[in-house]
C-alpha atoms as a PDB file:
ATOM      1  CA  MET A   1     147.863  45.641 -44.790  1.00  0.00           C
ATOM      2  CA  GLY A   2     145.722  43.493 -42.491  1.00  0.00           C
ATOM      3  CA  ASN A   3     145.658  40.668 -45.030  1.00  0.00           C
ATOM      4  CA  LEU A   4     149.478  40.764 -45.266  1.00  0.00           C
ATOM      5  CA  GLN A   5     149.766  40.536 -41.482  1.00  0.00           C
ATOM      6  CA  LEU A   6     147.349  37.585 -41.381  1.00  0.00           C
ATOM      7  CA  GLU A   7     149.304  35.873 -44.156  1.00  0.00           C
ATOM      8  CA  PHE A   8     152.599  36.480 -42.300  1.00  0.00           C
ATOM      9  CA  ILE A   9     151.132  35.105 -39.077  1.00  0.00           C
ATOM     10  CA  GLY A  10     149.523  32.117 -40.830  1.00  0.00           C
ATOM     11  CA  GLN A  11     152.647  31.024 -42.695  1.00  0.00           C
ATOM     12  CA  PRO A  12     154.546  29.638 -39.643  1.00  0.00           C
ATOM     13  CA  TRP A  13     151.470  27.705 -38.545  1.00  0.00           C
ATOM     14  CA  ARG A  14     151.083  26.201 -42.020  1.00  0.00           C
ATOM     15  CA  THR A  15     154.725  25.139 -41.919  1.00  0.00           C
ATOM     16  CA  VAL A  16     154.239  23.502 -38.508  1.00  0.00           C
ATOM     17  CA  ALA A  17     151.093  21.800 -39.793  1.00  0.00           C
ATOM     18  CA  TYR A  18     152.947  20.435 -42.829  1.00  0.00           C
ATOM     19  CA  VAL A  19     155.719  19.079 -40.587  1.00  0.00           C
ATOM     20  CA  VAL A  20     153.207  17.452 -38.232  1.00  0.00           C
ATOM     21  CA  ILE A  21     151.343  15.911 -41.182  1.00  0.00           C
ATOM     22  CA  ALA A  22     154.620  14.588 -42.628  1.00  0.00           C
ATOM     23  CA  TYR A  23     155.546  12.816 -39.395  1.00  0.00           C
ATOM     24  CA  ALA A  24     151.989  11.592 -38.940  1.00  0.00           C
ATOM     25  CA  LEU A  25     152.120  10.020 -42.408  1.00  0.00           C
ATOM     26  CA  ALA A  26     155.491   8.463 -41.553  1.00  0.00           C
ATOM     27  CA  TRP A  27     153.955   6.989 -38.386  1.00  0.00           C
ATOM     28  CA  VAL A  28     150.985   5.634 -40.361  1.00  0.00           C
ATOM     29  CA  VAL A  29     153.285   4.082 -42.972  1.00  0.00           C
ATOM     30  CA  SER A  30     155.358   2.507 -40.192  1.00  0.00           C
ATOM     31  CA  ARG A  31     152.314   1.009 -38.480  1.00  0.00           C
ATOM     32  CA  VAL A  32     150.770  -0.202 -41.732  1.00  0.00           C
ATOM     33  CA  SER A  33     154.039  -1.831 -42.838  1.00  0.00           C
ATOM     34  CA  LYS A  34     154.287  -3.636 -39.492  1.00  0.00           C
ATOM     35  CA  ARG A  35     150.685  -4.885 -39.650  1.00  0.00           C
ATOM     36  CA  LEU A  36     151.128  -5.920 -43.275  1.00  0.00           C
ATOM     37  CA  ALA A  37     154.359  -7.770 -42.437  1.00  0.00           C
ATOM     38  CA  GLU A  38     152.671  -9.672 -39.587  1.00  0.00           C
ATOM     39  CA  ARG A  39     149.759 -10.596 -41.863  1.00  0.00           C
ATOM     40  CA  ILE A  40     152.092 -11.836 -44.614  1.00  0.00           C
ATOM     41  CA  VAL A  41     153.991 -14.026 -42.137  1.00  0.00           C
ATOM     42  CA  ARG A  42     150.761 -15.467 -40.681  1.00  0.00           C
ATOM     43  CA  ARG A  43     149.405 -16.277 -44.136  1.00  0.00           C
ATOM     44  CA  TYR A  44     152.679 -17.865 -45.207  1.00  0.00           C
ATOM     45  CA  GLU A  45     152.823 -19.938 -42.013  1.00  0.00           C
ATOM     46  CA  ALA A  46     149.202 -21.067 -42.319  1.00  0.00           C
ATOM     47  CA  LYS A  47     149.703 -22.034 -45.952  1.00  0.00           C
ATOM     48  CA  ASN A  48     153.103 -23.742 -45.777  1.00  0.00           C
ATOM     49  CA  VAL A  49     153.679 -24.980 -42.228  1.00  0.00           C
ATOM     50  CA  ASP A  50     152.015 -27.974 -40.588  1.00  0.00           C
ATOM     51  CA  PRO A  51     152.691 -27.659 -36.819  1.00  0.00           C
ATOM     52  CA  LYS A  52     152.518 -31.448 -36.350  1.00  0.00           C
ATOM     53  CA  GLY A  53     154.650 -32.531 -39.266  1.00  0.00           C
ATOM     54  CA  ALA A  54     156.825 -29.560 -40.194  1.00  0.00           C
ATOM     55  CA  SER A  55     160.205 -30.680 -41.447  1.00  0.00           C
ATOM     56  CA  THR A  56     163.479 -28.942 -40.666  1.00  0.00           C
ATOM     57  CA  GLY A  57     163.622 -27.562 -44.207  1.00  0.00           C
ATOM     58  CA  VAL A  58     160.161 -26.019 -43.925  1.00  0.00           C
ATOM     59  CA  ILE A  59     160.997 -24.441 -40.557  1.00  0.00           C
ATOM     60  CA  ILE A  60     164.231 -22.963 -41.944  1.00  0.00           C
ATOM     61  CA  SER A  61     162.302 -21.590 -44.930  1.00  0.00           C
ATOM     62  CA  LEU A  62     159.780 -19.968 -42.585  1.00  0.00           C
ATOM     63  CA  LYS A  63     162.584 -18.385 -40.535  1.00  0.00           C
ATOM     64  CA  ARG A  64     164.154 -16.924 -43.670  1.00  0.00           C
ATOM     65  CA  HIS A  65     160.773 -15.621 -44.847  1.00  0.00           C
ATOM     66  CA  GLU A  66     160.112 -13.954 -41.477  1.00  0.00           C
ATOM     67  CA  THR A  67     163.599 -12.425 -41.464  1.00  0.00           C
ATOM     68  CA  PHE A  68     163.141 -10.972 -44.962  1.00  0.00           C
ATOM     69  CA  VAL A  69     159.723  -9.530 -44.108  1.00  0.00           C
ATOM     70  CA  SER A  70     161.088  -8.024 -40.868  1.00  0.00           C
ATOM     71  CA  LEU A  71     163.973  -6.384 -42.732  1.00  0.00           C
ATOM     72  CA  VAL A  72     161.628  -4.930 -45.355  1.00  0.00           C
ATOM     73  CA  GLN A  73     159.165  -3.480 -42.860  1.00  0.00           C
ATOM     74  CA  THR A  74     161.876  -1.939 -40.642  1.00  0.00           C
ATOM     75  CA  THR A  75     163.597  -0.475 -43.713  1.00  0.00           C
ATOM     76  CA  VAL A  76     160.282   1.037 -44.841  1.00  0.00           C
ATOM     77  CA  ARG A  77     159.922   2.526 -41.362  1.00  0.00           C
ATOM     78  CA  TYR A  78     163.369   4.149 -41.564  1.00  0.00           C
ATOM     79  CA  LEU A  79     162.753   5.498 -45.067  1.00  0.00           C
ATOM     80  CA  ALA A  80     159.387   6.972 -44.044  1.00  0.00           C
ATOM     81  CA  TYR A  81     160.900   8.911 -41.156  1.00  0.00           C
ATOM     82  CA  VAL A  82     163.949   9.976 -43.185  1.00  0.00           C
ATOM     83  CA  LEU A  83     161.687  11.403 -45.909  1.00  0.00           C
ATOM     84  CA  ALA A  84     159.553  13.110 -43.272  1.00  0.00           C
ATOM     85  CA  THR A  85     162.704  14.634 -41.756  1.00  0.00           C
ATOM     86  CA  LEU A  86     163.909  15.881 -45.154  1.00  0.00           C
ATOM     87  CA  PHE A  87     160.515  17.436 -45.805  1.00  0.00           C
ATOM     88  CA  ALA A  88     160.503  19.058 -42.356  1.00  0.00           C
ATOM     89  CA  ILE A  89     163.975  20.519 -42.913  1.00  0.00           C
ATOM     90  CA  ALA A  90     162.881  21.931 -46.253  1.00  0.00           C
ATOM     91  CA  GLN A  91     159.786  23.498 -44.728  1.00  0.00           C
ATOM     92  CA  LEU A  92     161.533  24.981 -41.709  1.00  0.00           C
ATOM     93  CA  SER A  93     164.447  26.325 -43.767  1.00  0.00           C
ATOM     94  CA  GLY A  94     162.065  28.126 -46.068  1.00  0.00           C
ATOM     95  CA  VAL A  95     163.905  26.902 -49.171  1.00  0.00           C
ATOM     96  CA  ARG A  96     161.993  25.307 -52.052  1.00  0.00           C
ATOM     97  CA  GLY A  97     162.782  23.237 -55.105  1.00  0.00           C
ATOM     98  CA  SER A  98     166.215  21.804 -55.858  1.00  0.00           C
ATOM     99  CA  GLY A  99     167.761  24.130 -53.296  1.00  0.00           C
ATOM    100  CA  ALA A 100     165.702  22.522 -50.569  1.00  0.00           C
ATOM    101  CA  ILE A 101     166.811  19.047 -51.591  1.00  0.00           C
ATOM    102  CA  ALA A 102     170.467  20.094 -51.745  1.00  0.00           C
ATOM    103  CA  GLY A 103     170.309  21.897 -48.409  1.00  0.00           C
ATOM    104  CA  ALA A 104     168.485  19.041 -46.717  1.00  0.00           C
ATOM    105  CA  SER A 105     170.919  16.498 -48.147  1.00  0.00           C
ATOM    106  CA  LEU A 106     173.875  18.516 -46.881  1.00  0.00           C
ATOM    107  CA  LEU A 107     172.337  18.769 -43.432  1.00  0.00           C
ATOM    108  CA  VAL A 108     171.626  15.034 -43.376  1.00  0.00           C
ATOM    109  CA  LEU A 109     175.231  14.374 -44.412  1.00  0.00           C
ATOM    110  CA  LEU A 110     176.509  16.546 -41.567  1.00  0.00           C
ATOM    111  CA  VAL A 111     174.216  14.806 -39.114  1.00  0.00           C
ATOM    112  CA  GLY A 112     175.461  11.493 -40.501  1.00  0.00           C
ATOM    113  CA  PHE A 113     179.055  12.373 -39.630  1.00  0.00           C
ATOM    114  CA  ALA A 114     177.905  13.282 -36.137  1.00  0.00           C
ATOM    115  CA  ALA A 115     175.970  10.014 -35.839  1.00  0.00           C
ATOM    116  CA  GLN A 116     178.705   7.601 -36.838  1.00  0.00           C
ATOM    117  CA  ARG A 117     177.432   4.993 -34.377  1.00  0.00           C
ATOM    118  CA  PHE A 118     174.134   4.823 -36.242  1.00  0.00           C
ATOM    119  CA  LEU A 119     175.913   4.388 -39.587  1.00  0.00           C
ATOM    120  CA  ILE A 120     178.155   1.664 -38.140  1.00  0.00           C
ATOM    121  CA  ASP A 121     175.033  -0.140 -36.870  1.00  0.00           C
ATOM    122  CA  ILE A 122     173.520   0.014 -40.351  1.00  0.00           C
ATOM    123  CA  LEU A 123     176.660  -1.287 -42.056  1.00  0.00           C
ATOM    124  CA  SER A 124     177.032  -4.088 -39.497  1.00  0.00           C
ATOM    125  CA  GLY A 125     173.402  -5.064 -40.032  1.00  0.00           C
ATOM    126  CA  ILE A 126     173.827  -5.138 -43.813  1.00  0.00           C
ATOM    127  CA  PHE A 127     176.872  -7.414 -43.615  1.00  0.00           C
ATOM    128  CA  MET A 128     175.281  -9.737 -41.037  1.00  0.00           C
ATOM    129  CA  GLN A 129     172.124 -10.174 -43.080  1.00  0.00           C
ATOM    130  CA  PHE A 130     174.032 -10.542 -46.342  1.00  0.00           C
ATOM    131  CA  GLU A 131     176.120 -13.337 -44.812  1.00  0.00           C
ATOM    132  CA  GLY A 132     173.087 -14.886 -43.068  1.00  0.00           C
ATOM    133  CA  TRP A 133     174.414 -14.988 -39.517  1.00  0.00           C
ATOM    134  CA  PHE A 134     170.995 -15.760 -38.008  1.00  0.00           C
ATOM    135  CA  ALA A 135     167.278 -15.595 -38.707  1.00  0.00           C
ATOM    136  CA  ILE A 136     164.126 -14.807 -36.755  1.00  0.00           C
ATOM    137  CA  GLY A 137     163.304 -17.710 -34.454  1.00  0.00           C
ATOM    138  CA  ASP A 138     166.926 -18.768 -33.967  1.00  0.00           C
ATOM    139  CA  SER A 139     168.243 -19.267 -30.459  1.00  0.00           C
ATOM    140  CA  ILE A 140     171.526 -17.362 -30.274  1.00  0.00           C
ATOM    141  CA  VAL A 141     174.232 -16.200 -27.878  1.00  0.00           C
ATOM    142  CA  ILE A 142     175.814 -12.832 -28.707  1.00  0.00           C
ATOM    143  CA  GLU A 143     179.514 -12.323 -28.110  1.00  0.00           C
ATOM    144  CA  PRO A 144     181.281 -10.725 -26.330  1.00  0.00           C
ATOM    145  CA  SER A 145     178.364  -9.701 -24.084  1.00  0.00           C
ATOM    146  CA  GLY A 146     177.029 -13.249 -23.636  1.00  0.00           C
ATOM    147  CA  VAL A 147     173.421 -12.088 -24.119  1.00  0.00           C
ATOM    148  CA  ALA A 148     171.253 -15.074 -25.077  1.00  0.00           C
ATOM    149  CA  GLY A 149     167.707 -15.419 -26.355  1.00  0.00           C
ATOM    150  CA  ILE A 150     165.373 -16.045 -29.268  1.00  0.00           C
ATOM    151  CA  VAL A 151     165.570 -13.587 -32.178  1.00  0.00           C
ATOM    152  CA  GLU A 152     162.180 -11.845 -32.363  1.00  0.00           C
ATOM    153  CA  GLU A 153     162.960  -9.043 -34.788  1.00  0.00           C
ATOM    154  CA  THR A 154     165.933  -7.920 -36.805  1.00  0.00           C
ATOM    155  CA  SER A 155     166.630  -4.714 -38.672  1.00  0.00           C
ATOM    156  CA  LEU A 156     169.641  -3.048 -40.224  1.00  0.00           C
ATOM    157  CA  ARG A 157     170.266  -1.109 -36.987  1.00  0.00           C
ATOM    158  CA  ALA A 158     169.423  -3.438 -34.098  1.00  0.00           C
ATOM    159  CA  THR A 159     168.449  -6.973 -33.141  1.00  0.00           C
ATOM    160  CA  LYS A 160     165.611  -7.740 -30.733  1.00  0.00           C
ATOM    161  CA  LEU A 161     165.904 -10.817 -28.497  1.00  0.00           C
ATOM    162  CA  ARG A 162     163.608 -12.416 -25.934  1.00  0.00           C
ATOM    163  CA  SER A 163     165.410 -14.239 -23.141  1.00  0.00           C
ATOM    164  CA  LEU A 164     164.268 -17.418 -21.416  1.00  0.00           C
ATOM    165  CA  THR A 165     162.928 -15.309 -18.531  1.00  0.00           C
ATOM    166  CA  GLY A 166     160.830 -13.194 -20.921  1.00  0.00           C
ATOM    167  CA  ASP A 167     163.058 -10.112 -20.911  1.00  0.00           C
ATOM    168  CA  VAL A 168     163.095  -8.192 -24.207  1.00  0.00           C
ATOM    169  CA  ILE A 169     166.647  -7.213 -25.158  1.00  0.00           C
ATOM    170  CA  PHE A 170     167.688  -4.784 -27.907  1.00  0.00           C
ATOM    171  CA  VAL A 171     171.285  -5.015 -29.122  1.00  0.00           C
ATOM    172  CA  ASN A 172     172.887  -2.542 -31.532  1.00  0.00           C
ATOM    173  CA  ASN A 173     174.303  -4.434 -34.498  1.00  0.00           C
ATOM    174  CA  SER A 174     177.689  -2.745 -34.082  1.00  0.00           C
ATOM    175  CA  GLN A 175     177.957  -4.393 -30.642  1.00  0.00           C
ATOM    176  CA  ILE A 176     177.685  -7.895 -32.128  1.00  0.00           C
ATOM    177  CA  SER A 177     181.197  -9.145 -32.814  1.00  0.00           C
ATOM    178  CA  ALA A 178     180.212 -12.827 -33.031  1.00  0.00           C
ATOM    179  CA  VAL A 179     177.086 -14.974 -32.765  1.00  0.00           C
ATOM    180  CA  ARG A 180     176.692 -18.533 -31.525  1.00  0.00           C
ATOM    181  CA  VAL A 181     173.584 -20.105 -33.075  1.00  0.00           C
ATOM    182  CA  LEU A 182     172.161 -23.059 -31.155  1.00  0.00           C
ATOM    183  CA  PRO A 183     171.225 -25.920 -33.531  1.00  0.00           C
ATOM    184  CA  ARG A 184     167.486 -26.649 -33.369  1.00  0.00           C
ATOM    185  CA  GLY A 185     167.210 -23.990 -30.655  1.00  0.00           C
ATOM    186  CA  VAL A 186     168.121 -26.421 -27.838  1.00  0.00           C
ATOM    187  CA  ARG A 187     171.216 -27.741 -26.104  1.00  0.00           C
ATOM    188  CA  GLN A 188     172.011 -31.321 -27.035  1.00  0.00           C
ATOM    189  CA  VAL A 189     173.939 -33.083 -24.263  1.00  0.00           C
ATOM    190  CA  SER A 190     175.483 -36.505 -23.860  1.00  0.00           C
ATOM    191  CA  ILE A 191     175.368 -38.366 -20.533  1.00  0.00           C
ATOM    192  CA  GLU A 192     177.979 -41.086 -20.043  1.00  0.00           C
ATOM    193  CA  LEU A 193     177.903 -43.474 -17.123  1.00  0.00           C
ATOM    194  CA  VAL A 194     180.123 -46.489 -16.351  1.00  0.00           C
ATOM    195  CA  VAL A 195     178.364 -49.149 -14.251  1.00  0.00           C
ATOM    196  CA  ARG A 196     179.018 -52.734 -13.139  1.00  0.00           C
ATOM    197  CA  ASP A 197     175.657 -54.151 -14.230  1.00  0.00           C
ATOM    198  CA  GLU A 198     173.860 -53.198 -17.450  1.00  0.00           C
ATOM    199  CA  SER A 199     170.295 -53.945 -16.354  1.00  0.00           C
ATOM    200  CA  GLU A 200     170.751 -52.135 -13.028  1.00  0.00           C
ATOM    201  CA  GLY A 201     172.388 -49.209 -14.829  1.00  0.00           C
ATOM    202  CA  ARG A 202     169.523 -48.971 -17.321  1.00  0.00           C
ATOM    203  CA  ARG A 203     166.983 -49.072 -14.517  1.00  0.00           C
ATOM    204  CA  LEU A 204     168.840 -46.332 -12.626  1.00  0.00           C
ATOM    205  CA  PHE A 205     169.029 -44.097 -15.709  1.00  0.00           C
ATOM    206  CA  GLU A 206     165.353 -44.575 -16.623  1.00  0.00           C
ATOM    207  CA  ASP A 207     164.126 -44.037 -13.046  1.00  0.00           C
ATOM    208  CA  ALA A 208     166.090 -40.778 -12.769  1.00  0.00           C
ATOM    209  CA  ALA A 209     164.949 -39.613 -16.205  1.00  0.00           C
ATOM    210  CA  ARG A 210     161.308 -40.290 -15.345  1.00  0.00           C
ATOM    211  CA  VAL A 211     161.238 -37.583 -12.641  1.00  0.00           C
ATOM    212  CA  MET A 212     162.852 -34.879 -14.791  1.00  0.00           C
ATOM    213  CA  PRO A 213     160.679 -31.846 -15.678  1.00  0.00           C
ATOM    214  CA  VAL A 214     159.651 -31.724 -19.333  1.00  0.00           C
ATOM    215  CA  GLY A 215     158.610 -28.576 -21.194  1.00  0.00           C
ATOM    216  CA  PRO A 216     159.702 -25.897 -23.688  1.00  0.00           C
ATOM    217  CA  THR A 217     161.929 -24.222 -21.068  1.00  0.00           C
ATOM    218  CA  GLN A 218     163.151 -27.417 -19.342  1.00  0.00           C
ATOM    219  CA  PHE A 219     163.987 -30.828 -20.775  1.00  0.00           C
ATOM    220  CA  VAL A 220     162.528 -30.787 -24.274  1.00  0.00           C
ATOM    221  CA  ARG A 221     162.016 -34.532 -23.916  1.00  0.00           C
ATOM    222  CA  LEU A 222     162.923 -37.115 -21.284  1.00  0.00           C
ATOM    223  CA  PRO A 223     166.589 -38.234 -21.349  1.00  0.00           C
ATOM    224  CA  TRP A 224     167.101 -41.582 -23.069  1.00  0.00           C
ATOM    225  CA  ILE A 225     169.812 -44.227 -23.467  1.00  0.00           C
ATOM    226  CA  GLU A 226     171.236 -44.069 -26.965  1.00  0.00           C
ATOM    227  CA  ALA A 227     173.869 -46.820 -26.914  1.00  0.00           C
ATOM    228  CA  VAL A 228     175.591 -49.318 -24.642  1.00  0.00           C
ATOM    229  CA  ASP A 229     179.246 -50.422 -24.828  1.00  0.00           C
ATOM    230  CA  ARG A 230     180.501 -53.411 -22.866  1.00  0.00           C
ATOM    231  CA  LEU A 231     184.065 -52.593 -21.845  1.00  0.00           C
ATOM    232  CA  ASP A 232     184.770 -55.993 -20.228  1.00  0.00           C
ATOM    233  CA  ASP A 233     182.958 -58.617 -18.190  1.00  0.00           C
ATOM    234  CA  GLU A 234     182.386 -56.222 -15.287  1.00  0.00           C
ATOM    235  CA  LEU A 235     182.175 -52.730 -16.828  1.00  0.00           C
ATOM    236  CA  VAL A 236     179.439 -51.300 -19.055  1.00  0.00           C
ATOM    237  CA  LEU A 237     179.438 -47.806 -20.575  1.00  0.00           C
ATOM    238  CA  LEU A 238     175.962 -46.276 -21.001  1.00  0.00           C
ATOM    239  CA  HIS A 239     175.590 -43.458 -23.534  1.00  0.00           C
ATOM    240  CA  GLY A 240     172.583 -41.261 -22.744  1.00  0.00           C
ATOM    241  CA  ARG A 241     171.196 -38.238 -24.600  1.00  0.00           C
ATOM    242  CA  ALA A 242     169.078 -35.275 -23.596  1.00  0.00           C
ATOM    243  CA  ALA A 243     167.901 -31.951 -25.008  1.00  0.00           C
ATOM    244  CA  VAL A 244     167.424 -28.961 -22.712  1.00  0.00           C
ATOM    245  CA  ALA A 245     166.428 -25.343 -23.207  1.00  0.00           C
ATOM    246  CA  PRO A 246     169.317 -22.840 -23.476  1.00  0.00           C
ATOM    247  CA  GLY A 247     170.227 -21.572 -20.027  1.00  0.00           C
ATOM    248  CA  ARG A 248     168.832 -24.676 -18.325  1.00  0.00           C
ATOM    249  CA  GLU A 249     171.889 -26.891 -18.779  1.00  0.00           C
ATOM    250  CA  TRP A 250     172.012 -27.328 -14.987  1.00  0.00           C
ATOM    251  CA  LEU A 251     169.015 -29.657 -15.278  1.00  0.00           C
ATOM    252  CA  ALA A 252     171.264 -32.185 -17.024  1.00  0.00           C
ATOM    253  CA  ASP A 253     174.680 -31.646 -15.455  1.00  0.00           C
ATOM    254  CA  GLY A 254     173.286 -30.877 -12.001  1.00  0.00           C
ATOM    255  CA  PHE A 255     169.820 -32.172 -11.212  1.00  0.00           C
ATOM    256  CA  LEU A 256     169.847 -35.363 -13.298  1.00  0.00           C
ATOM    257  CA  VAL A 257     173.379 -36.284 -12.172  1.00  0.00           C
ATOM    258  CA  ASN A 258     172.556 -35.769  -8.482  1.00  0.00           C
ATOM    259  CA  VAL A 259     169.382 -37.861  -8.713  1.00  0.00           C
ATOM    260  CA  MET A 260     171.263 -40.767 -10.318  1.00  0.00           C
ATOM    261  CA  ARG A 261     174.014 -40.647  -7.723  1.00  0.00           C
ATOM    262  CA  GLU A 262     171.564 -40.562  -4.830  1.00  0.00           C
ATOM    263  CA  ARG A 263     169.429 -43.420  -6.165  1.00  0.00           C
ATOM    264  CA  ALA A 264     172.293 -45.700  -7.239  1.00  0.00           C
ATOM    265  CA  SER A 265     172.927 -48.793  -5.158  1.00  0.00           C
ATOM    266  CA  GLU A 266     176.307 -49.045  -3.474  1.00  0.00           C
ATOM    267  CA  GLY A 267     179.093 -49.996  -5.875  1.00  0.00           C
ATOM    268  CA  LEU A 268     176.936 -49.758  -9.029  1.00  0.00           C
ATOM    269  CA  ILE A 269     178.492 -46.576 -10.456  1.00  0.00           C
ATOM    270  CA  VAL A 270     182.185 -46.869 -11.322  1.00  0.00           C
ATOM    271  CA  HIS A 271     182.530 -43.497 -13.048  1.00  0.00           C
ATOM    272  CA  GLY A 272     180.260 -40.574 -13.816  1.00  0.00           C
ATOM    273  CA  PRO A 273     177.707 -39.534 -14.742  1.00  0.00           C
ATOM    274  CA  VAL A 274     179.613 -37.170 -17.046  1.00  0.00           C
ATOM    275  CA  VAL A 275     177.578 -34.600 -19.015  1.00  0.00           C
ATOM    276  CA  PHE A 276     178.914 -32.616 -21.987  1.00  0.00           C
ATOM    277  CA  GLU A 277     177.386 -30.671 -24.872  1.00  0.00           C
ATOM    278  CA  ILE A 278     177.356 -32.247 -28.343  1.00  0.00           C
ATOM    279  CA  ASP A 279     176.124 -31.572 -31.861  1.00  0.00           C
ATOM    280  CA  ASP A 280     175.459 -34.245 -34.478  1.00  0.00           C
ATOM    281  CA  VAL A 281     176.672 -32.109 -37.394  1.00  0.00           C
ATOM    282  CA  ALA A 282     179.902 -31.251 -35.571  1.00  0.00           C
ATOM    283  CA  ASN A 283     180.436 -34.919 -34.715  1.00  0.00           C
ATOM    284  CA  ARG A 284     180.107 -35.951 -38.367  1.00  0.00           C
ATOM    285  CA  ARG A 285     182.479 -33.241 -39.561  1.00  0.00           C
ATOM    286  CA  TYR A 286     185.079 -34.024 -36.912  1.00  0.00           C
ATOM    287  CA  ALA A 287     184.819 -37.704 -37.791  1.00  0.00           C
ATOM    288  CA  ARG A 288     185.437 -36.858 -41.450  1.00  0.00           C
ATOM    289  CA  ALA A 289     188.329 -34.551 -40.551  1.00  0.00           C
ATOM    290  CA  THR A 290     190.054 -37.229 -38.450  1.00  0.00           C
ATOM    291  CA  SER A 291     189.436 -40.100 -40.866  1.00  0.00           C
ATOM    292  CA  GLY A 292     192.654 -39.291 -42.720  1.00  0.00           C
ATOM    293  CA  ALA A 293     194.677 -39.420 -39.510  1.00  0.00           C
ATOM    294  CA  GLU A 294     193.224 -42.834 -38.680  1.00  0.00           C
ATOM    295  CA  ARG A 295     194.224 -44.209 -42.113  1.00  0.00           C
ATOM    296  CA  GLY A 296     197.699 -42.750 -41.745  1.00  0.00           C
END
């Protein structure tokens, strides 16, 4: 009789122990998959990427590799905890064998209907990754929220961003209706300025550009003059270019413009400076699209 009582008392504790062990194993699998994913990415980067001479193609390949590894390790994490949950349900329900699997599956299905938001996140993540909306390392702006940052991690449920200020932002995939991907991760801008004298205009532009802050979160490089068009004997159009970090566009259309206006001699500037965002790929495609209209 005493042995039966001890066995009855010990059974619940064994069940709790099994459940704890199952979740502990899921946690270990999750941590190991994350460490393994980070190691694979580091080895791939060290083997295939030269920081000084990496081409655009190599960088894109690295982004895709990191995105794939991130998806695999987060999926492994989900599967580990789902299996642990199924095992825990089977243990706590006291059912064994095929009945446990059927009962656990039914319960998971019911929970799934109650957690439609989670399922919508998963489906949205699958479609986004299948269509290749973005990759790890891309600088993106999420619509309609306007949240911007660098993609640090992506999974089938959520996307992790780091903003320019260092804030870590998690966005559910179902909340992403559109994504704006910034080419090369920076804002390319054009600076147009109409002056009366070319040499004086060049000197003004270069002097103003020389005092601009340069860095990963400021001007990526000093603004430069790309082309010069002589409109007539008295008017010259200067075409300048600059690349700034996302969110720091004011450095070009505010700070740089104000410095040029303040340092310009009287009567030198006829119009501008005018600053607007550009993209080389878009320019080429628009030029090709309008070529037929020009011929017509």
